Amino acid sequence: MLNYPSPPKNICILRLSAIGDICHTLPVIRSIQAQWPTTKITWIIGKIEFDLLKGIQDIDFIVFDKQNGFKEYLKIRSQLKNTNFDVLLHMQMSLRASLISLLIKSKIKIGFDRERAKDGQWIFTNKKIKHVPQQHVMDSLFEFSKLLGIDNTKPIWNIPINESDNKSANSLLNNISNYFIISPCSSKDYRNWHSQGYAFIADYIKEKYDVDVVLTGGNSEIENKYADEILSACKTTPLNLIGKTNLKQLLSIIEKARCMISPDSGPAHMSTAMGTPVIGLYATTNPERARPYLSDSWVINRYPDAIKKKYHKDVKDMPWGNRVRDKWAMEMITVEDVTSTIDKFIKQFNK
C-alpha cells in the first residue's frame, strides 16, 4: 500500500475502452473522490466511451480517438506536456494504452500484477496491484484504489443524463412505462444467443405478465439483423429501438426499465450502473469474472457446461477468464432457463 500523509494533488486514469469496462472503472474513481475530494482526476478515455460519461463535472476528460492514428498521440503529448501527475493508474492492458502511458509524466505508474498484465503492460509501470486470483473485473480494478490506501469498494456511478436526452428517450418509449429490455447483442458474435429464443421470450413476457418489451442496441449490421429476425418471429409486437438511440438516451431508457435481458455486453453493465437488474445469459464467458456486478441472482450460467463440452474439464481446472469462442455454446441456454428466471424475478419484485 502506498502511504499518502495528505491527498495527492492530481491523479491520471488511463482506461480507453470498452463500454463495459468503463462502467467498471467509474466506481473506482468515485471511491477515490469520496476519500480525497480535493484531488483532481484526469481520465484519458476513448471517444465512444466518453459519450457515455460526458456531463460528469468533477472529472477532467482527455478524449483519445483511435481513428485518428498517430495524430492522437501527438495531441495527448501536447495536452499533457506541462502536467506532472502524482499517480498514474494504468488500468488497461493494451499496447495502445501503454504507448499513451509513455506520454504521461508521473513518478508513480501503477499497473496490473505481473500474472495478469497482458500485452507487456508490466513493462510500462513501476508499481503493481496485488495479485488476487479469480476476481470479478470490477474487483480487480478496485485493487488500484486499495493500493492507494482506499478501502471503500461500494460501487457508485452517478452518470448524468441531460434533460434533452431524457425527453428524447421518453418520446421514443411512446408512453410505455412498464417494460423489460431485451438487448440481444454483444460486440462479440460468439456471445450472442439466437433470435428465435429472444422472440419466444418477448412473447412470453407480454402474454404471461402483460409487460411490454423494448429491443435496444446499436446501429450495426448484426444488431439490425437481430431486430428484423426477432420481430419477424414474434407473435406480439416489441418496441424496436435498436439503432435509434445515442448512449445517453439508452441510459435513460435502461433506468426506467424493470429489467434487462442480455448476453455479456456493454449494455448489461450500463444497466448495472443505472440500478436496473440484469438477467444475464452466460455460456462463453465465466460470469464469476464478468457478470453484471449487482445481478448475481439472475445470471443464467451455462459456462460450466460449455467448458465441459469443449475441454472435458471442470471450470476450476481451467485458466481464469478462459472463453469458449464457439456459437454452439450459447445454444446450451434454453428458453426454459430464461422463462424460469423471469418467473422468479417477477415473483420476487411483485411481493
Protein backbone atom coordinates (compact mmCIF):
# COMPACT_ATOMS: atom_id res chain seq x y z
CA MET A 1 0.00 0.00 0.00
CA LEU A 2 1.22 3.48 -0.83
CA ASN A 3 1.32 5.87 2.10
CA TYR A 4 -0.14 9.34 1.49
CA PRO A 5 0.08 11.64 4.52
CA SER A 6 -2.05 14.08 2.54
CA PRO A 7 -4.24 13.60 -0.56
CA PRO A 8 -2.45 13.64 -3.93
CA LYS A 9 -2.98 16.85 -5.91
CA ASN A 10 -3.77 15.05 -9.15
CA ILE A 11 -4.25 11.53 -10.44
CA CYS A 12 -4.37 10.38 -14.05
CA ILE A 13 -6.65 7.48 -15.02
CA LEU A 14 -5.78 5.64 -18.23
CA ARG A 15 -8.68 3.49 -19.39
CA LEU A 16 -9.73 3.92 -23.00
CA SER A 17 -12.31 1.20 -23.56
CA ALA A 18 -14.68 -0.65 -23.70
CA ILE A 19 -18.16 0.38 -22.56
CA GLY A 20 -18.47 -2.42 -20.01
CA ASP A 21 -15.02 -1.78 -18.57
CA ILE A 22 -15.68 1.95 -18.42
CA CYS A 23 -18.69 1.08 -16.25
CA HIS A 24 -16.36 -1.00 -14.07
CA THR A 25 -13.79 1.79 -13.81
CA LEU A 26 -16.04 4.68 -12.79
CA PRO A 27 -16.85 3.28 -9.30
CA VAL A 28 -13.12 3.09 -8.56
CA ILE A 29 -12.78 6.77 -9.38
CA ARG A 30 -15.83 7.57 -7.26
CA SER A 31 -14.23 5.81 -4.30
CA ILE A 32 -11.08 7.91 -4.73
CA GLN A 33 -13.14 11.09 -4.95
CA ALA A 34 -15.07 10.18 -1.80
CA GLN A 35 -11.87 9.86 0.22
CA TRP A 36 -9.91 12.64 -1.48
CA PRO A 37 -12.46 15.23 -2.68
CA THR A 38 -9.75 17.84 -3.36
CA THR A 39 -7.72 15.56 -5.65
CA LYS A 40 -8.04 16.46 -9.32
CA ILE A 41 -8.88 13.48 -11.52
CA THR A 42 -7.91 13.41 -15.20
CA TRP A 43 -9.22 10.48 -17.23
CA ILE A 44 -7.84 9.58 -20.67
CA ILE A 45 -10.73 7.80 -22.38
CA GLY A 46 -11.86 6.63 -25.81
CA LYS A 47 -14.15 8.77 -27.96
CA ILE A 48 -17.18 6.45 -27.96
CA GLU A 49 -16.75 5.73 -24.26
CA PHE A 50 -16.66 9.45 -23.46
CA ASP A 51 -20.13 9.79 -24.98
CA LEU A 52 -21.39 7.60 -22.14
CA LEU A 53 -19.83 9.72 -19.38
CA LYS A 54 -19.92 13.26 -20.76
CA GLY A 55 -21.58 15.71 -18.43
CA ILE A 56 -19.64 14.50 -15.39
CA GLN A 57 -18.33 17.75 -13.94
CA ASP A 58 -15.81 16.53 -11.35
CA ILE A 59 -13.57 14.59 -13.75
CA ASP A 60 -11.39 16.19 -16.44
CA PHE A 61 -11.57 14.06 -19.57
CA ILE A 62 -8.99 13.83 -22.32
CA VAL A 63 -10.55 12.07 -25.30
CA PHE A 64 -8.45 9.73 -27.43
CA ASP A 65 -9.89 8.96 -30.86
CA LYS A 66 -8.08 5.89 -32.17
CA GLN A 67 -9.45 6.54 -35.67
CA ASN A 68 -7.03 9.46 -35.99
CA GLY A 69 -3.99 7.23 -35.62
CA PHE A 70 -0.62 8.72 -34.73
CA LYS A 71 -2.01 12.28 -34.61
CA GLU A 72 -3.89 11.40 -31.41
CA TYR A 73 -0.65 10.53 -29.62
CA LEU A 74 0.78 13.90 -30.62
CA LYS A 75 -2.37 15.58 -29.34
CA ILE A 76 -2.10 13.80 -25.97
CA ARG A 77 1.55 14.75 -25.69
CA SER A 78 0.73 18.39 -26.37
CA GLN A 79 -2.14 18.42 -23.86
CA LEU A 80 -0.04 16.89 -21.10
CA LYS A 81 3.37 18.45 -21.74
CA ASN A 82 3.09 20.86 -18.81
CA THR A 83 1.37 18.47 -16.38
CA ASN A 84 3.02 16.31 -13.75
CA PHE A 85 0.77 13.81 -12.02
CA ASP A 86 1.27 12.38 -8.56
CA VAL A 87 -0.01 8.98 -9.71
CA LEU A 88 -0.97 7.27 -12.96
CA LEU A 89 -3.45 4.42 -12.73
CA HIS A 90 -2.74 2.46 -15.90
CA MET A 91 -5.93 0.40 -15.90
CA GLN A 92 -5.92 -1.06 -19.41
CA MET A 93 -3.89 -3.96 -20.70
CA SER A 94 -3.30 -2.93 -24.29
CA LEU A 95 -0.31 -1.73 -26.27
CA ARG A 96 -2.22 1.40 -27.36
CA ALA A 97 -2.80 2.39 -23.75
CA SER A 98 0.78 1.57 -22.78
CA LEU A 99 2.12 3.81 -25.54
CA ILE A 100 -0.04 6.63 -24.16
CA SER A 101 1.37 5.95 -20.70
CA LEU A 102 4.82 6.94 -22.01
CA LEU A 103 3.45 10.44 -22.63
CA ILE A 104 2.20 10.83 -19.04
CA LYS A 105 4.58 12.40 -16.55
CA SER A 106 4.28 10.65 -13.22
CA LYS A 107 6.85 9.17 -10.87
CA ILE A 108 4.36 6.51 -9.81
CA LYS A 109 2.73 4.44 -12.52
CA ILE A 110 0.50 1.66 -11.22
CA GLY A 111 -0.47 -1.28 -13.39
CA PHE A 112 -1.70 -4.83 -13.12
CA ASP A 113 0.28 -7.52 -11.35
CA ARG A 114 2.74 -9.48 -13.46
CA GLU A 115 0.46 -12.53 -13.52
CA ARG A 116 -2.36 -10.61 -15.23
CA ALA A 117 -0.53 -7.88 -17.15
CA LYS A 118 -1.18 -8.87 -20.76
CA ASP A 119 0.43 -7.22 -23.80
CA GLY A 120 3.54 -6.45 -21.78
CA GLN A 121 1.76 -3.88 -19.63
CA TRP A 122 4.01 -4.67 -16.66
CA ILE A 123 6.96 -3.14 -18.55
CA PHE A 124 5.29 0.29 -18.55
CA THR A 125 4.57 0.53 -14.82
CA ASN A 126 6.69 0.70 -11.67
CA LYS A 127 4.06 -0.31 -9.10
CA LYS A 128 1.71 -3.28 -9.35
CA ILE A 129 -1.64 -4.04 -7.78
CA LYS A 130 -1.94 -7.08 -5.56
CA HIS A 131 -2.41 -10.37 -7.35
CA VAL A 132 -5.73 -11.83 -6.30
CA PRO A 133 -6.77 -14.89 -8.31
CA GLN A 134 -10.25 -15.40 -9.68
CA GLN A 135 -11.62 -11.88 -9.25
CA HIS A 136 -14.52 -10.18 -10.98
CA VAL A 137 -13.24 -7.48 -13.35
CA MET A 138 -14.57 -4.67 -11.14
CA ASP A 139 -12.97 -6.16 -8.05
CA SER A 140 -9.63 -6.32 -9.86
CA LEU A 141 -9.94 -2.63 -10.73
CA PHE A 142 -10.71 -1.78 -7.11
CA GLU A 143 -7.24 -3.15 -6.30
CA PHE A 144 -5.90 0.11 -7.78
CA SER A 145 -7.72 2.25 -5.22
CA LYS A 146 -6.82 -0.21 -2.45
CA LEU A 147 -3.15 0.25 -3.29
CA LEU A 148 -3.66 3.98 -2.75
CA GLY A 149 -4.98 3.20 0.74
CA ILE A 150 -8.71 3.45 -0.07
CA ASP A 151 -10.77 0.54 1.22
CA ASN A 152 -14.24 1.64 0.09
CA THR A 153 -15.39 -0.72 -2.65
CA LYS A 154 -19.10 0.07 -2.65
CA PRO A 155 -19.89 0.77 -6.31
CA ILE A 156 -21.30 4.22 -7.09
CA TRP A 157 -21.68 5.57 -10.63
CA ASN A 158 -23.71 8.82 -10.76
CA ILE A 159 -23.74 9.13 -14.56
CA PRO A 160 -25.69 12.25 -15.56
CA ILE A 161 -28.33 12.37 -18.29
CA ASN A 162 -29.37 15.78 -19.56
CA GLU A 163 -32.95 16.90 -19.93
CA SER A 164 -32.83 16.75 -23.72
CA ASP A 165 -31.80 13.09 -23.79
CA ASN A 166 -34.39 12.20 -21.15
CA LYS A 167 -37.09 13.87 -23.25
CA SER A 168 -35.92 12.08 -26.39
CA ALA A 169 -35.95 8.76 -24.54
CA ASN A 170 -39.47 9.37 -23.27
CA SER A 171 -40.60 10.25 -26.78
CA LEU A 172 -39.07 7.06 -28.18
CA LEU A 173 -40.81 4.98 -25.49
CA ASN A 174 -44.14 6.42 -26.67
CA ASN A 175 -45.85 6.24 -23.26
CA ILE A 176 -44.59 2.73 -22.46
CA SER A 177 -43.68 2.67 -18.76
CA ASN A 178 -43.86 -0.97 -17.63
CA TYR A 179 -41.30 -2.83 -19.70
CA PHE A 180 -38.42 -5.28 -19.90
CA ILE A 181 -35.49 -4.57 -22.19
CA ILE A 182 -34.05 -7.22 -24.44
CA SER A 183 -30.58 -6.13 -25.52
CA PRO A 184 -29.78 -9.09 -27.75
CA CYS A 185 -26.27 -8.44 -28.99
CA SER A 186 -22.72 -8.32 -27.77
CA SER A 187 -19.93 -6.91 -29.92
CA LYS A 188 -18.54 -10.48 -29.98
CA ASP A 189 -20.84 -12.62 -32.08
CA TYR A 190 -19.97 -15.85 -30.27
CA ARG A 191 -21.56 -14.39 -27.10
CA ASN A 192 -24.95 -13.89 -28.76
CA TRP A 193 -27.99 -16.09 -28.12
CA HIS A 194 -30.33 -16.92 -31.02
CA SER A 195 -33.04 -14.60 -32.28
CA GLN A 196 -35.73 -17.32 -32.09
CA GLY A 197 -35.10 -17.59 -28.37
CA TYR A 198 -35.40 -13.84 -27.87
CA ALA A 199 -38.65 -13.80 -29.84
CA PHE A 200 -40.09 -16.56 -27.65
CA ILE A 201 -39.07 -14.66 -24.51
CA ALA A 202 -40.55 -11.39 -25.77
CA ASP A 203 -43.88 -13.12 -26.38
CA TYR A 204 -43.68 -14.89 -23.01
CA ILE A 205 -43.18 -11.64 -21.08
CA LYS A 206 -46.03 -9.88 -22.86
CA GLU A 207 -48.52 -12.75 -22.91
CA LYS A 208 -47.98 -14.08 -19.38
CA TYR A 209 -47.31 -10.86 -17.48
CA ASP A 210 -48.70 -8.13 -19.75
CA VAL A 211 -45.35 -6.37 -19.54
CA ASP A 212 -44.06 -4.63 -22.66
CA VAL A 213 -40.73 -5.48 -24.27
CA VAL A 214 -38.31 -2.95 -25.73
CA LEU A 215 -35.47 -4.03 -28.01
CA THR A 216 -32.32 -1.92 -27.68
CA GLY A 217 -28.92 -1.86 -29.30
CA GLY A 218 -26.65 -0.02 -31.67
CA ASN A 219 -26.90 0.52 -35.41
CA SER A 220 -24.52 -2.23 -36.53
CA GLU A 221 -25.45 -4.70 -39.24
CA ILE A 222 -25.71 -7.63 -36.84
CA GLU A 223 -27.91 -5.71 -34.38
CA ASN A 224 -30.31 -4.64 -37.12
CA LYS A 225 -30.36 -8.22 -38.38
CA TYR A 226 -31.29 -9.46 -34.91
CA ALA A 227 -34.05 -6.85 -34.68
CA ASP A 228 -35.55 -7.98 -38.00
CA GLU A 229 -35.38 -11.66 -37.07
CA ILE A 230 -36.85 -11.17 -33.60
CA LEU A 231 -39.72 -9.04 -34.86
CA SER A 232 -40.46 -11.49 -37.67
CA ALA A 233 -40.63 -14.41 -35.24
CA CYS A 234 -42.73 -12.63 -32.58
CA LYS A 235 -46.49 -13.01 -32.23
CA THR A 236 -46.53 -9.85 -30.11
CA THR A 237 -45.01 -6.53 -31.10
CA PRO A 238 -41.97 -5.42 -29.10
CA LEU A 239 -40.95 -1.79 -29.42
CA ASN A 240 -37.85 -1.78 -31.60
CA LEU A 241 -35.36 0.93 -30.57
CA ILE A 242 -32.30 -0.82 -31.99
CA GLY A 243 -30.18 1.77 -33.78
CA LYS A 244 -32.43 4.65 -32.67
CA THR A 245 -30.68 5.95 -29.53
CA ASN A 246 -27.42 7.51 -28.52
CA LEU A 247 -25.73 6.22 -25.36
CA LYS A 248 -27.31 8.80 -23.07
CA GLN A 249 -30.81 8.11 -24.40
CA LEU A 250 -30.15 4.42 -23.96
CA LEU A 251 -29.12 5.07 -20.34
CA SER A 252 -32.40 6.87 -19.76
CA ILE A 253 -34.40 4.01 -21.28
CA ILE A 254 -32.45 1.49 -19.19
CA GLU A 255 -33.01 3.48 -16.00
CA LYS A 256 -36.79 3.33 -16.42
CA ALA A 257 -36.91 -0.40 -17.23
CA ARG A 258 -37.86 -3.15 -14.79
CA CYS A 259 -35.13 -5.45 -16.03
CA MET A 260 -32.75 -6.11 -18.92
CA ILE A 261 -32.15 -9.46 -20.60
CA SER A 262 -28.74 -9.55 -22.26
CA PRO A 263 -25.66 -11.61 -23.00
CA ASP A 264 -22.24 -10.47 -21.76
CA SER A 265 -22.20 -6.96 -23.23
CA GLY A 266 -21.62 -3.27 -22.56
CA PRO A 267 -25.35 -2.53 -22.14
CA ALA A 268 -25.59 -5.16 -19.39
CA HIS A 269 -23.02 -3.20 -17.39
CA MET A 270 -24.70 0.10 -18.27
CA SER A 271 -27.84 -1.40 -16.77
CA THR A 272 -25.97 -2.19 -13.57
CA ALA A 273 -24.72 1.40 -13.43
CA MET A 274 -28.31 2.66 -13.63
CA GLY A 275 -29.57 0.32 -10.93
CA THR A 276 -31.59 -1.87 -13.29
CA PRO A 277 -31.32 -5.65 -12.71
CA VAL A 278 -29.97 -7.84 -15.49
CA ILE A 279 -30.89 -11.39 -16.42
CA GLY A 280 -27.51 -12.28 -17.87
CA LEU A 281 -27.10 -15.02 -20.49
CA TYR A 282 -23.69 -16.59 -19.95
CA ALA A 283 -22.12 -19.62 -21.63
CA THR A 284 -19.00 -18.37 -23.41
CA THR A 285 -17.70 -16.17 -20.57
CA ASN A 286 -17.30 -17.03 -16.89
CA PRO A 287 -19.94 -14.97 -15.07
CA GLU A 288 -17.88 -15.08 -11.89
CA ARG A 289 -15.44 -12.83 -13.74
CA ALA A 290 -17.70 -10.71 -15.94
CA ARG A 291 -21.36 -10.93 -14.84
CA PRO A 292 -23.44 -7.79 -14.25
CA TYR A 293 -21.94 -6.87 -10.89
CA LEU A 294 -25.14 -6.49 -8.86
CA SER A 295 -27.22 -9.20 -10.56
CA ASP A 296 -25.64 -12.45 -9.44
CA SER A 297 -29.06 -13.87 -8.53
CA TRP A 298 -30.29 -13.54 -12.11
CA VAL A 299 -27.38 -14.98 -14.07
CA ILE A 300 -28.14 -17.97 -16.29
CA ASN A 301 -24.86 -19.85 -16.21
CA ARG A 302 -24.14 -22.49 -18.84
CA TYR A 303 -20.43 -21.72 -18.83
CA PRO A 304 -19.51 -24.88 -16.86
CA ASP A 305 -21.43 -26.98 -19.41
CA ALA A 306 -19.64 -25.29 -22.32
CA ILE A 307 -16.24 -25.81 -20.67
CA LYS A 308 -17.03 -29.47 -20.06
CA LYS A 309 -18.12 -30.00 -23.67
CA LYS A 310 -15.16 -28.20 -25.26
CA TYR A 311 -12.30 -29.10 -22.91
CA HIS A 312 -13.63 -32.10 -20.96
CA LYS A 313 -12.68 -30.32 -17.76
CA ASP A 314 -14.32 -28.55 -14.85
CA VAL A 315 -14.19 -24.76 -14.61
CA LYS A 316 -11.88 -24.99 -11.56
CA ASP A 317 -9.30 -26.76 -13.73
CA MET A 318 -9.28 -24.07 -16.42
CA PRO A 319 -7.34 -20.78 -16.55
CA TRP A 320 -9.34 -17.91 -15.04
CA GLY A 321 -11.05 -15.88 -17.74
CA ASN A 322 -10.90 -18.61 -20.38
CA ARG A 323 -13.60 -18.11 -23.03
CA VAL A 324 -15.45 -20.56 -25.22
CA ARG A 325 -15.49 -18.81 -28.57
CA ASP A 326 -17.98 -21.11 -30.27
CA LYS A 327 -21.52 -20.22 -31.30
CA TRP A 328 -22.88 -23.57 -30.10
CA ALA A 329 -22.07 -22.61 -26.50
CA MET A 330 -24.84 -20.02 -26.22
CA GLU A 331 -27.30 -22.51 -27.69
CA MET A 332 -26.86 -24.51 -24.47
CA ILE A 333 -29.05 -21.84 -22.84
CA THR A 334 -32.68 -22.98 -23.18
CA VAL A 335 -35.81 -20.88 -23.29
CA GLU A 336 -36.83 -22.71 -20.12
CA ASP A 337 -33.68 -21.38 -18.41
CA VAL A 338 -34.77 -17.87 -19.28
CA THR A 339 -38.51 -18.18 -18.59
CA SER A 340 -37.93 -19.76 -15.19
CA THR A 341 -35.56 -16.92 -14.26
CA ILE A 342 -38.11 -14.35 -15.43
CA ASP A 343 -40.75 -16.08 -13.30
CA LYS A 344 -38.51 -15.92 -10.22
CA PHE A 345 -37.69 -12.29 -10.92
CA ILE A 346 -41.33 -11.27 -11.32
CA LYS A 347 -42.32 -13.21 -8.20
CA GLN A 348 -39.63 -11.54 -6.09
CA PHE A 349 -40.26 -7.99 -7.27
CA ASN A 350 -44.06 -8.30 -7.19
CA LYS A 351 -44.05 -9.02 -3.46
